[in-house]
Amino acid sequence: MYLTQGLHRSLQNHPERIATIFGERQQSFRRMADRVARMAGALKRLGVGRGDRVAMLALNSDRYVEYFQAVWWAGAAANPVNTRWSVNEIAYSLKDCGSHVLIVDDQFLPMVDAIREQAPCVRTVIHAGDAPAPQGMPAWEDLISSNKPEPDAMSDGMDLAAVMYTGGTTGFPKGVMLSHDNFWISSIARMAEMGGQPGCVSLIATPLFHVGGAGRLAGQSISGNTIVILPSFTPESVLQAVEQHGITDLMLVPTMLQMLLDHPQFERSKMATVRRISYGASPIPLPLLERTLDLFPGVEFASAFGMTETAASVCGNPPANHGPEARKSGLVRSVGRAGFACEIKVVDAENRELPRGTVGEIIIRGGCVMLGYWNKPEETAAALRDGWLHSGDGGYIDDDGHLYIVDRIKDMIVTGGENVYSAEVENVLARHPAVSVCAVIGIPSQQWGEAVHAVVVLKPGMQAGEDELRMHCRSWLAGYKSPKSIEFRDAMPLSAAGKVVKTRLREPYWRGMASNVN
């Protein structure tokens, strides 16, 4: 299957149904299909060919939805850019996968010159904002109005649909290659298990550069439902959108859910139309889950567990596991059973499947698993072994097949739903002339789930303060990756092999907690 198929189906079955709502703009599936076909024609006339990567650096919008569809309509692959990255990180990703076309909105126009200087592979920049386009920069609306509709390339299921960058354990982001089949299979499997919910009105508040947002968009495109898009998450905008548009379906990261419930304007009555709430991207604290369930009796809750490497979720804990009995038994803490389109096992270091209830590494096999990492054969071979994706996450499966996440095998920190790999931050810290040795760990945070914390040993006779090191990191990294706190030590705890023992660094912060994720 191909990811524009849902648009063709909607055009045939309900062309006048509202496809997208963004601010004051609404458009039907008929109008969106015409705009998508015209933008695909514009991209082809700009030299975009089958399999080429087209990047977008922008906040969520209806044009972002058109971007995905137009790129796929043209037979190319999307390269959505993390809006929280620094220029260095953005330029690296563009150069790495060879994106020749970059689309930006008003928010990121000031970064264009610096990006082009560091990423000369970018030949064309398209302005997709509401302000006037800079001189010499083609405007999104002008390209649509001046080009004829292009026939759909109707990609093959194994064709590359997107290169989505995730943090790199080697210190550089990795481009996860996802096919049309990957997104399709993941979406269809989730709908088959959780219900397709025709006629719902779904809110997209999570960033579309993230697999959670892109995966949800793919699913809603297949089902042909109306989506309401927010530029970014704020509690006020969610509450307003629910009231104004009768939102029935929400998908929120736990930190978003926390901020929504804590907001002074929150009133349960303002969310009367909500019928389903999904949560995922990071583990949800049990007190927050209990509070949410109590506030929304009668609403269906479901969790999702997955990775960028699996085109979003591979399993989910369904509404049936959020009732009173499941809360008493602890089943509500599960992330569910393996989805319809994949297999999940828990294995030891020698890849032997472990007995039920024994903690090990979670591995996944199925049609949702990525093609590999862009231009990184060694990392691909390490992650994909004998047909199984090694997640790096630790967990166990109970006697009834329910999966529980208990720890993180790889040194990854999940802060506010974003993945941060310690090696990437450590490599930047180590660039500072005063830093001798450093280690980065995740520590519990009430606001973000986990916070990035650095432990630093300075070189003899050198000085550097916490503010100086944080500013150094911010010049190279996105704000969410930079340490929220730094402690200085005279020496690091080392193993016999000379490696920093991070478990000893983490222990004081996680002491007394049931698991080492928050």
Protein backbone atom coordinates (compact mmCIF):
# COMPACT_ATOMS: atom_id res chain seq x y z
CA MET A 1 0.00 0.00 0.00
CA TYR A 2 0.98 3.65 -0.38
CA LEU A 3 0.30 6.50 2.02
CA THR A 4 -1.74 8.68 -0.37
CA GLN A 5 -4.28 5.86 -0.81
CA GLY A 6 -6.36 7.20 2.08
CA LEU A 7 -6.65 10.57 0.35
CA HIS A 8 -7.93 8.88 -2.83
CA ARG A 9 -10.43 6.89 -0.77
CA SER A 10 -11.70 10.01 1.01
CA LEU A 11 -11.96 11.83 -2.32
CA GLN A 12 -14.17 9.01 -3.60
CA ASN A 13 -16.28 8.44 -0.47
CA HIS A 14 -16.72 11.86 1.17
CA PRO A 15 -15.00 14.61 -0.84
CA GLU A 16 -16.76 17.46 0.98
CA ARG A 17 -15.95 16.23 4.51
CA ILE A 18 -13.60 18.57 6.33
CA ALA A 19 -10.09 17.14 6.18
CA THR A 20 -8.10 19.69 8.18
CA ILE A 21 -8.82 22.56 10.54
CA PHE A 22 -6.02 24.97 11.39
CA GLY A 23 -6.93 28.24 13.05
CA GLU A 24 -9.50 29.92 10.82
CA ARG A 25 -8.63 27.73 7.82
CA GLN A 26 -10.71 24.68 6.94
CA GLN A 27 -10.47 22.58 3.83
CA SER A 28 -12.35 19.61 2.40
CA PHE A 29 -10.73 16.45 1.15
CA ARG A 30 -11.53 17.57 -2.41
CA ARG A 31 -9.64 20.83 -1.98
CA MET A 32 -6.75 19.21 -0.15
CA ALA A 33 -6.31 16.57 -2.86
CA ASP A 34 -6.13 19.29 -5.53
CA ARG A 35 -3.59 21.32 -3.53
CA VAL A 36 -1.49 18.23 -2.82
CA ALA A 37 -1.41 17.26 -6.50
CA ARG A 38 -0.38 20.79 -7.48
CA MET A 39 2.36 20.95 -4.84
CA ALA A 40 3.65 17.56 -6.03
CA GLY A 41 3.86 19.07 -9.52
CA ALA A 42 5.77 22.06 -8.12
CA LEU A 43 8.24 19.78 -6.35
CA LYS A 44 8.87 17.79 -9.51
CA ARG A 45 9.51 20.99 -11.45
CA LEU A 46 12.02 21.98 -8.78
CA GLY A 47 13.93 18.79 -9.55
CA VAL A 48 12.54 16.45 -6.90
CA GLY A 49 12.60 12.89 -8.20
CA ARG A 50 11.43 9.52 -6.93
CA GLY A 51 13.12 8.68 -3.65
CA ASP A 52 14.57 12.19 -3.14
CA ARG A 53 14.33 13.64 0.36
CA VAL A 54 12.37 16.84 0.99
CA ALA A 55 12.82 18.52 4.38
CA MET A 56 10.44 20.70 6.37
CA LEU A 57 11.35 22.91 9.33
CA ALA A 58 8.13 24.33 10.70
CA LEU A 59 5.55 24.27 13.44
CA ASN A 60 2.50 22.08 12.91
CA SER A 61 -0.01 23.41 10.39
CA ASP A 62 -2.37 22.32 7.61
CA ARG A 63 0.52 22.98 5.21
CA TYR A 64 2.60 20.45 7.13
CA VAL A 65 -0.12 17.86 6.40
CA GLU A 66 -0.04 18.88 2.72
CA TYR A 67 3.77 18.61 2.77
CA PHE A 68 3.69 14.93 3.77
CA GLN A 69 0.98 14.10 1.24
CA ALA A 70 2.58 16.09 -1.60
CA VAL A 71 6.01 14.55 -1.04
CA TRP A 72 4.47 11.06 -1.10
CA TRP A 73 2.30 12.00 -4.12
CA ALA A 74 5.50 12.95 -5.95
CA GLY A 75 7.12 9.61 -5.04
CA ALA A 76 9.69 11.28 -2.78
CA ALA A 77 10.47 10.86 0.94
CA ALA A 78 9.78 13.28 3.77
CA ASN A 79 12.55 14.51 6.05
CA PRO A 80 10.73 16.39 8.85
CA VAL A 81 13.19 18.43 10.92
CA ASN A 82 13.14 18.67 14.71
CA THR A 83 12.20 22.28 15.46
CA ARG A 84 14.05 22.20 18.78
CA TRP A 85 17.43 21.46 17.22
CA SER A 86 20.30 23.90 16.84
CA VAL A 87 21.55 24.98 13.41
CA ASN A 88 24.43 22.49 13.75
CA GLU A 89 22.06 19.57 14.30
CA ILE A 90 19.69 20.65 11.52
CA ALA A 91 22.53 21.08 9.03
CA TYR A 92 23.97 17.67 9.94
CA SER A 93 20.66 15.91 9.24
CA LEU A 94 20.13 17.72 5.93
CA LYS A 95 23.64 16.88 4.73
CA ASP A 96 23.46 13.33 6.01
CA CYS A 97 20.44 12.35 3.91
CA GLY A 98 21.04 14.84 1.10
CA SER A 99 17.87 16.95 1.31
CA HIS A 100 18.03 19.41 -1.60
CA VAL A 101 14.71 21.14 -0.84
CA LEU A 102 13.89 22.71 2.53
CA ILE A 103 10.48 24.12 3.42
CA VAL A 104 10.29 26.64 6.28
CA ASP A 105 7.55 28.69 7.93
CA ASP A 106 7.72 32.21 9.37
CA GLN A 107 9.09 30.98 12.70
CA PHE A 108 12.30 29.58 11.21
CA LEU A 109 13.08 32.05 8.43
CA PRO A 110 15.84 33.68 10.56
CA MET A 111 17.75 30.37 10.58
CA VAL A 112 17.78 29.88 6.81
CA ASP A 113 21.05 31.69 6.02
CA ALA A 114 22.99 29.84 8.71
CA ILE A 115 21.50 26.51 7.62
CA ARG A 116 22.39 27.10 3.97
CA GLU A 117 25.92 28.07 4.95
CA GLN A 118 26.43 24.82 6.87
CA ALA A 119 24.35 22.60 4.53
CA PRO A 120 25.22 23.57 0.94
CA CYS A 121 23.26 20.54 -0.28
CA VAL A 122 20.09 22.66 0.15
CA ARG A 123 19.48 24.14 -3.30
CA THR A 124 15.92 25.44 -2.82
CA VAL A 125 14.15 26.91 0.20
CA ILE A 126 10.35 27.25 0.03
CA HIS A 127 8.48 29.65 2.31
CA ALA A 128 5.32 28.07 3.78
CA GLY A 129 4.30 30.86 6.16
CA ASP A 130 1.58 33.48 6.27
CA ALA A 131 3.87 36.52 6.11
CA PRO A 132 5.19 37.72 2.72
CA ALA A 133 7.91 35.47 1.33
CA PRO A 134 11.45 36.90 1.30
CA GLN A 135 12.60 38.16 -2.08
CA GLY A 136 13.71 35.34 -4.34
CA MET A 137 12.18 32.59 -2.16
CA PRO A 138 9.26 30.70 -3.74
CA ALA A 139 6.06 30.86 -1.69
CA TRP A 140 3.95 27.81 -0.89
CA GLU A 141 0.66 29.32 -2.10
CA ASP A 142 2.23 30.68 -5.29
CA LEU A 143 3.64 27.26 -6.15
CA ILE A 144 0.23 25.66 -5.67
CA SER A 145 -1.62 28.24 -7.77
CA SER A 146 0.93 28.28 -10.60
CA ASN A 147 1.33 24.51 -11.12
CA LYS A 148 -0.99 21.96 -12.67
CA PRO A 149 -2.02 18.85 -10.71
CA GLU A 150 0.46 16.00 -11.03
CA PRO A 151 -0.69 12.36 -11.27
CA ASP A 152 -0.01 10.39 -8.08
CA ALA A 153 3.23 8.39 -8.29
CA MET A 154 1.48 5.64 -6.26
CA SER A 155 4.60 4.45 -4.49
CA ASP A 156 5.32 0.82 -3.75
CA GLY A 157 4.90 -0.32 -0.17
CA MET A 158 8.64 -0.84 0.26
CA ASP A 159 9.51 2.60 -1.10
CA LEU A 160 11.06 5.04 1.35
CA ALA A 161 8.37 7.27 2.90
CA ALA A 162 10.38 9.21 5.48
CA VAL A 163 13.78 9.68 7.05
CA MET A 164 13.10 10.63 10.65
CA TYR A 165 16.08 11.53 12.81
CA THR A 166 16.46 10.25 16.32
CA GLY A 167 19.27 10.82 18.82
CA GLY A 168 22.50 8.99 18.10
CA THR A 169 24.19 6.69 20.60
CA THR A 170 27.46 7.51 18.84
CA GLY A 171 26.95 11.23 19.37
CA PHE A 172 25.23 11.96 16.05
CA PRO A 173 21.53 11.75 15.13
CA LYS A 174 20.51 8.68 13.13
CA GLY A 175 18.14 8.84 10.16
CA VAL A 176 15.52 6.13 10.62
CA MET A 177 14.33 4.95 7.20
CA LEU A 178 10.61 4.18 7.25
CA SER A 179 8.73 2.76 4.27
CA HIS A 180 5.13 3.25 3.20
CA ASP A 181 4.43 -0.28 4.46
CA ASN A 182 5.97 0.53 7.85
CA PHE A 183 3.53 3.39 8.48
CA TRP A 184 0.61 1.57 6.87
CA ILE A 185 1.04 -1.67 8.80
CA SER A 186 1.57 0.11 12.13
CA SER A 187 -1.56 2.25 11.60
CA ILE A 188 -3.82 -0.53 10.36
CA ALA A 189 -2.75 -2.89 13.14
CA ARG A 190 -3.53 -0.30 15.79
CA MET A 191 -6.92 0.49 14.23
CA ALA A 192 -7.74 -3.24 14.00
CA GLU A 193 -7.01 -3.67 17.69
CA MET A 194 -8.29 -0.39 19.09
CA GLY A 195 -11.01 0.36 16.56
CA GLY A 196 -10.87 2.61 13.48
CA GLN A 197 -13.38 5.05 14.99
CA PRO A 198 -14.90 6.44 11.75
CA GLY A 199 -16.26 9.96 12.01
CA CYS A 200 -14.07 11.05 14.90
CA VAL A 201 -12.49 14.49 15.18
CA SER A 202 -8.87 14.05 16.20
CA LEU A 203 -6.49 16.64 17.64
CA ILE A 204 -2.84 16.76 16.61
CA ALA A 205 -0.90 18.70 19.23
CA THR A 206 2.27 16.59 19.25
CA PRO A 207 4.94 17.73 16.78
CA LEU A 208 4.66 16.32 13.26
CA PHE A 209 8.45 15.97 13.05
CA HIS A 210 8.09 13.27 15.72
CA VAL A 211 7.01 9.74 14.79
CA GLY A 212 4.13 10.01 17.26
CA GLY A 213 2.64 12.94 15.35
CA ALA A 214 3.53 11.62 11.88
CA GLY A 215 2.22 8.15 12.74
CA ARG A 216 -1.06 9.59 13.99
CA LEU A 217 -1.35 11.67 10.83
CA ALA A 218 -0.81 8.55 8.71
CA GLY A 219 -3.55 6.72 10.63
CA GLN A 220 -6.04 9.58 10.33
CA SER A 221 -5.26 9.87 6.62
CA ILE A 222 -6.03 6.19 6.12
CA SER A 223 -9.31 6.41 8.06
CA GLY A 224 -10.34 9.68 6.40
CA ASN A 225 -11.25 11.51 9.59
CA THR A 226 -11.14 15.22 10.34
CA ILE A 227 -8.02 16.46 12.10
CA VAL A 228 -7.61 19.68 14.05
CA ILE A 229 -4.00 20.87 14.10
CA LEU A 230 -2.32 23.05 16.70
CA PRO A 231 1.02 24.75 15.91
CA SER A 232 2.35 23.38 19.19
CA PHE A 233 0.99 22.22 22.51
CA THR A 234 -0.29 24.64 25.12
CA PRO A 235 -2.97 23.73 27.67
CA GLU A 236 -5.02 26.80 26.66
CA SER A 237 -5.02 25.92 22.96
CA VAL A 238 -6.05 22.32 23.65
CA LEU A 239 -8.95 23.39 25.85
CA GLN A 240 -10.06 25.95 23.28
CA ALA A 241 -9.83 23.48 20.38
CA VAL A 242 -11.82 20.82 22.22
CA GLU A 243 -14.64 23.28 22.97
CA GLN A 244 -14.63 24.97 19.57
CA HIS A 245 -14.38 21.91 17.32
CA GLY A 246 -15.89 19.10 19.40
CA ILE A 247 -12.69 17.07 19.59
CA THR A 248 -13.44 13.40 20.26
CA ASP A 249 -9.91 11.92 20.24
CA LEU A 250 -6.78 13.15 22.02
CA MET A 251 -3.25 11.79 21.90
CA LEU A 252 -0.94 13.38 24.47
CA VAL A 253 2.50 12.81 25.94
CA PRO A 254 2.26 12.35 29.74
CA THR A 255 3.93 15.71 30.41
CA MET A 256 1.28 17.38 28.23
CA LEU A 257 -1.45 15.60 30.15
CA GLN A 258 0.09 16.80 33.42
CA MET A 259 0.22 20.42 32.24
CA LEU A 260 -3.34 20.24 30.95
CA LEU A 261 -4.78 18.98 34.24
CA ASP A 262 -2.72 21.45 36.30
CA HIS A 263 -3.74 24.47 34.24
CA PRO A 264 -5.96 26.99 36.10
CA GLN A 265 -8.39 27.09 33.14
CA PHE A 266 -8.93 23.33 33.14
CA GLU A 267 -12.53 22.32 33.72
CA ARG A 268 -13.80 18.83 33.04
CA SER A 269 -16.96 20.32 31.51
CA LYS A 270 -14.89 21.98 28.78
CA MET A 271 -13.86 18.53 27.52
CA ALA A 272 -17.32 16.97 27.37
CA THR A 273 -16.93 15.83 23.73
CA VAL A 274 -13.76 13.79 24.36
CA ARG A 275 -14.43 10.06 23.99
CA ARG A 276 -10.93 8.63 23.73
CA ILE A 277 -7.54 9.60 25.18
CA SER A 278 -4.30 7.93 24.10
CA TYR A 279 -0.99 8.51 25.82
CA GLY A 280 2.53 7.45 24.99
CA ALA A 281 6.09 8.51 24.00
CA SER A 282 7.30 8.09 27.59
CA PRO A 283 6.21 6.17 30.69
CA ILE A 284 3.33 7.77 32.57
CA PRO A 285 3.68 8.21 36.34
CA LEU A 286 1.06 6.09 38.06
CA PRO A 287 -0.32 8.99 40.20
CA LEU A 288 -0.93 11.02 37.03
CA LEU A 289 -2.68 8.09 35.36
CA GLU A 290 -4.88 7.47 38.40
CA ARG A 291 -5.80 11.15 38.57
CA THR A 292 -6.68 11.26 34.87
CA LEU A 293 -8.80 8.12 35.03
CA ASP A 294 -10.74 9.54 37.97
CA LEU A 295 -11.35 12.83 36.16
CA PHE A 296 -12.60 11.17 32.97
CA PRO A 297 -14.96 8.34 33.88
CA GLY A 298 -16.57 6.87 30.78
CA VAL A 299 -13.72 7.99 28.48
CA GLU A 300 -11.76 5.22 26.76
CA PHE A 301 -8.06 5.25 27.66
CA ALA A 302 -5.30 3.48 25.77
CA SER A 303 -1.52 3.62 25.91
CA ALA A 304 0.94 3.15 23.07
CA PHE A 305 4.44 1.70 23.12
CA GLY A 306 6.77 1.94 20.17
CA MET A 307 9.82 3.63 18.71
CA THR A 308 10.78 5.79 15.76
CA GLU A 309 12.26 2.55 14.39
CA THR A 310 8.79 0.92 14.38
CA ALA A 311 6.82 3.77 12.76
CA ALA A 312 5.12 4.45 16.12
CA SER A 313 3.35 1.83 18.21
CA VAL A 314 3.89 -1.92 18.28
CA CYS A 315 1.50 -2.55 21.14
CA GLY A 316 -0.97 -0.70 23.28
CA ASN A 317 -2.81 -1.17 26.53
CA PRO A 318 -6.52 -1.06 25.52
CA PRO A 319 -9.42 0.60 27.33
CA ALA A 320 -10.39 -2.74 28.94
CA ASN A 321 -7.12 -2.62 30.89
CA HIS A 322 -7.89 0.77 32.44
CA GLY A 323 -10.92 -0.25 34.50
CA PRO A 324 -11.21 -0.77 38.27
CA GLU A 325 -10.02 -4.41 38.23
CA ALA A 326 -6.99 -3.59 36.06
CA ARG A 327 -6.10 -0.74 38.40
CA LYS A 328 -6.24 -3.06 41.40
CA SER A 329 -4.23 -5.83 39.74
CA GLY A 330 -1.59 -3.50 38.30
CA LEU A 331 -2.48 -4.43 34.71
CA VAL A 332 -3.01 -0.73 34.03
CA ARG A 333 0.79 -0.32 34.24
CA SER A 334 1.33 -2.67 31.30
CA VAL A 335 1.89 -1.35 27.78
CA GLY A 336 -0.30 -4.14 26.40
CA ARG A 337 0.26 -7.26 24.33
CA ALA A 338 2.12 -7.48 21.03
CA GLY A 339 0.06 -5.81 18.31
CA PHE A 340 -1.55 -7.65 15.41
CA ALA A 341 1.32 -6.92 13.01
CA CYS A 342 4.37 -7.80 15.10
CA GLU A 343 6.00 -10.24 17.47
CA ILE A 344 7.68 -9.21 20.73
CA LYS A 345 10.11 -11.21 22.83
CA VAL A 346 12.25 -10.53 25.89
CA VAL A 347 15.77 -11.93 25.60
CA ASP A 348 19.05 -12.11 27.49
CA ALA A 349 22.46 -10.87 26.30
CA GLU A 350 22.85 -14.04 24.15
CA ASN A 351 19.45 -13.48 22.47
CA ARG A 352 17.86 -16.40 24.31
CA GLU A 353 14.18 -15.88 25.09
CA LEU A 354 13.67 -15.47 28.82
CA PRO A 355 10.98 -17.08 30.99
CA ARG A 356 7.84 -15.10 31.70
CA GLY A 357 8.33 -12.50 34.39
CA THR A 358 12.10 -12.24 33.82
CA VAL A 359 13.53 -8.85 32.86
CA GLY A 360 15.58 -8.62 29.68
CA GLU A 361 15.82 -6.68 26.43
CA ILE A 362 12.67 -6.18 24.38
CA ILE A 363 13.06 -7.19 20.72
CA ILE A 364 10.50 -6.73 17.94
CA ARG A 365 9.82 -8.33 14.56
CA GLY A 366 7.20 -7.37 11.99
CA GLY A 367 6.22 -5.25 9.01
CA CYS A 368 6.37 -2.04 11.02
CA VAL A 369 10.13 -2.37 11.67
CA MET A 370 12.31 0.18 9.84
CA LEU A 371 14.35 -0.44 6.71
CA GLY A 372 17.47 0.64 8.64
CA TYR A 373 19.46 3.75 9.53
CA TRP A 374 20.37 6.08 6.68
CA ASN A 375 23.99 5.62 5.63
CA LYS A 376 24.84 3.81 8.89
CA PRO A 377 25.35 0.12 8.07
CA GLU A 378 27.12 -0.70 11.32
CA GLU A 379 24.38 0.81 13.49
CA THR A 380 21.76 -0.91 11.33
CA ALA A 381 23.47 -4.28 11.74
CA ALA A 382 23.69 -3.76 15.51
CA ALA A 383 19.97 -2.92 15.79
CA LEU A 384 18.57 -5.43 13.27
CA ARG A 385 19.77 -8.95 14.03
CA ASP A 386 18.28 -12.09 12.50
CA GLY A 387 15.16 -10.15 11.54
CA TRP A 388 14.61 -8.73 15.03
CA LEU A 389 14.89 -5.09 16.10
CA HIS A 390 16.75 -4.79 19.40
CA SER A 391 15.02 -1.95 21.20
CA GLY A 392 17.51 -1.38 24.02
CA ASP A 393 14.55 -1.18 26.41
CA GLY A 394 14.27 -3.52 29.36
CA GLY A 395 11.05 -5.22 30.37
CA TYR A 396 9.26 -8.47 31.03
CA ILE A 397 6.20 -10.33 29.74
CA ASP A 398 3.72 -11.83 32.18
CA ASP A 399 1.97 -15.19 31.84
CA ASP A 400 -0.86 -13.63 29.81
CA GLY A 401 1.44 -11.90 27.33
CA HIS A 402 1.29 -8.38 28.77
CA LEU A 403 4.50 -6.39 28.39
CA TYR A 404 5.86 -4.21 31.19
CA ILE A 405 8.66 -1.63 30.78
CA VAL A 406 10.91 -1.50 33.84
CA ASP A 407 14.25 0.00 32.84
CA ARG A 408 16.31 1.31 29.98
CA ILE A 409 19.18 -0.82 28.75
CA LYS A 410 20.61 1.84 26.47
CA ASP A 411 21.71 5.14 27.94
CA MET A 412 18.69 7.08 26.77
CA ILE A 413 16.86 9.77 28.68
CA VAL A 414 13.21 10.54 27.91
CA THR A 415 12.49 14.15 28.85
CA GLY A 416 9.09 15.60 28.01
CA GLY A 417 8.53 12.83 25.48
CA GLU A 418 11.81 13.56 23.63
CA ASN A 419 14.66 11.05 23.43
CA VAL A 420 18.09 12.29 24.52
CA TYR A 421 21.10 10.03 24.14
CA SER A 422 23.77 10.61 26.75
CA ALA A 423 26.66 10.08 24.31
CA GLU A 424 25.53 13.02 22.20
CA VAL A 425 25.51 15.39 25.19
CA GLU A 426 28.76 13.96 26.56
CA ASN A 427 30.50 14.57 23.24
CA VAL A 428 29.51 18.24 23.36
CA LEU A 429 30.50 18.68 27.01
CA ALA A 430 33.85 17.06 26.30
CA ARG A 431 34.57 19.80 23.73
CA HIS A 432 34.83 22.38 26.52
CA PRO A 433 38.55 22.97 27.25
CA ALA A 434 38.08 22.70 31.04
CA VAL A 435 36.28 19.33 31.00
CA SER A 436 38.36 16.24 31.73
CA VAL A 437 35.70 13.55 32.15
CA CYS A 438 31.92 13.77 32.00
CA ALA A 439 28.89 11.52 32.22
CA VAL A 440 25.27 12.31 31.47
CA ILE A 441 22.36 10.56 33.14
CA GLY A 442 18.62 10.99 33.55
CA ILE A 443 17.26 11.92 36.95
CA PRO A 444 13.60 12.09 38.06
CA SER A 445 11.73 15.29 37.22
CA GLN A 446 8.17 16.07 38.24
CA GLN A 447 7.72 18.36 35.24
CA TRP A 448 9.49 16.44 32.46
CA GLY A 449 9.48 12.84 33.68
CA GLU A 450 13.27 12.82 33.48
CA ALA A 451 15.79 15.66 33.38
CA VAL A 452 19.23 15.67 31.76
CA HIS A 453 21.89 15.77 34.49
CA ALA A 454 25.66 15.98 33.92
CA VAL A 455 28.48 14.88 36.20
CA VAL A 456 31.78 16.60 35.38
CA VAL A 457 35.41 16.26 36.43
CA LEU A 458 37.45 19.35 35.49
CA LYS A 459 41.04 19.32 34.31
CA PRO A 460 43.62 20.19 36.99
CA GLY A 461 44.00 23.93 37.35
CA MET A 462 41.01 24.66 35.09
CA GLN A 463 37.75 26.29 36.13
CA ALA A 464 34.27 26.34 34.66
CA GLY A 465 30.93 27.01 36.31
CA GLU A 466 27.56 25.38 35.78
CA ASP A 467 26.18 28.33 33.79
CA GLU A 468 29.21 28.39 31.50
CA LEU A 469 28.94 24.68 30.69
CA ARG A 470 25.19 24.92 30.09
CA MET A 471 25.72 27.85 27.69
CA HIS A 472 28.41 25.81 25.92
CA CYS A 473 25.94 22.95 25.44
CA ARG A 474 23.18 25.26 24.25
CA SER A 475 25.43 26.55 21.46
CA TRP A 476 25.62 23.01 20.05
CA LEU A 477 22.44 21.30 21.18
CA ALA A 478 18.71 21.83 21.41
CA GLY A 479 17.56 23.19 24.75
CA TYR A 480 15.89 19.97 25.83
CA LYS A 481 19.15 18.05 25.32
CA SER A 482 21.28 20.47 27.33
CA PRO A 483 21.82 19.58 31.01
CA LYS A 484 19.26 21.00 33.40
CA SER A 485 21.74 20.50 36.24
CA ILE A 486 25.49 19.85 36.57
CA GLU A 487 27.47 18.53 39.50
CA PHE A 488 31.24 18.63 39.84
CA ARG A 489 33.32 15.78 41.25
CA ASP A 490 36.98 15.13 41.84
CA ALA A 491 36.75 11.66 40.28
CA MET A 492 34.29 9.31 38.58
CA PRO A 493 33.37 5.81 39.77
CA LEU A 494 35.10 3.49 37.32
CA SER A 495 34.76 -0.21 36.54
CA ALA A 496 37.72 -2.56 36.27
CA ALA A 497 37.69 -1.90 32.55
CA GLY A 498 37.96 1.84 33.17
CA LYS A 499 34.39 2.68 32.20
CA VAL A 500 32.29 5.13 34.18
CA VAL A 501 29.80 3.20 36.31
CA LYS A 502 26.64 5.16 35.63
CA THR A 503 24.53 2.97 37.89
CA ARG A 504 26.43 4.44 40.85
CA LEU A 505 25.86 7.97 39.56
CA ARG A 506 22.13 7.32 39.15
CA GLU A 507 21.59 5.45 42.41
CA PRO A 508 21.15 8.45 44.80
CA TYR A 509 18.52 10.01 42.56
CA TRP A 510 16.47 6.85 41.95
CA ARG A 511 16.78 5.36 45.45
CA GLY A 512 13.43 4.17 46.76
CA MET A 513 11.71 4.21 43.35
CA ALA A 514 10.15 1.08 41.87
CA SER A 515 11.93 1.41 38.50
CA ASN A 516 14.67 3.40 36.86
CA VAL A 517 12.37 5.25 34.48
CA ASN A 518 9.97 8.01 35.46
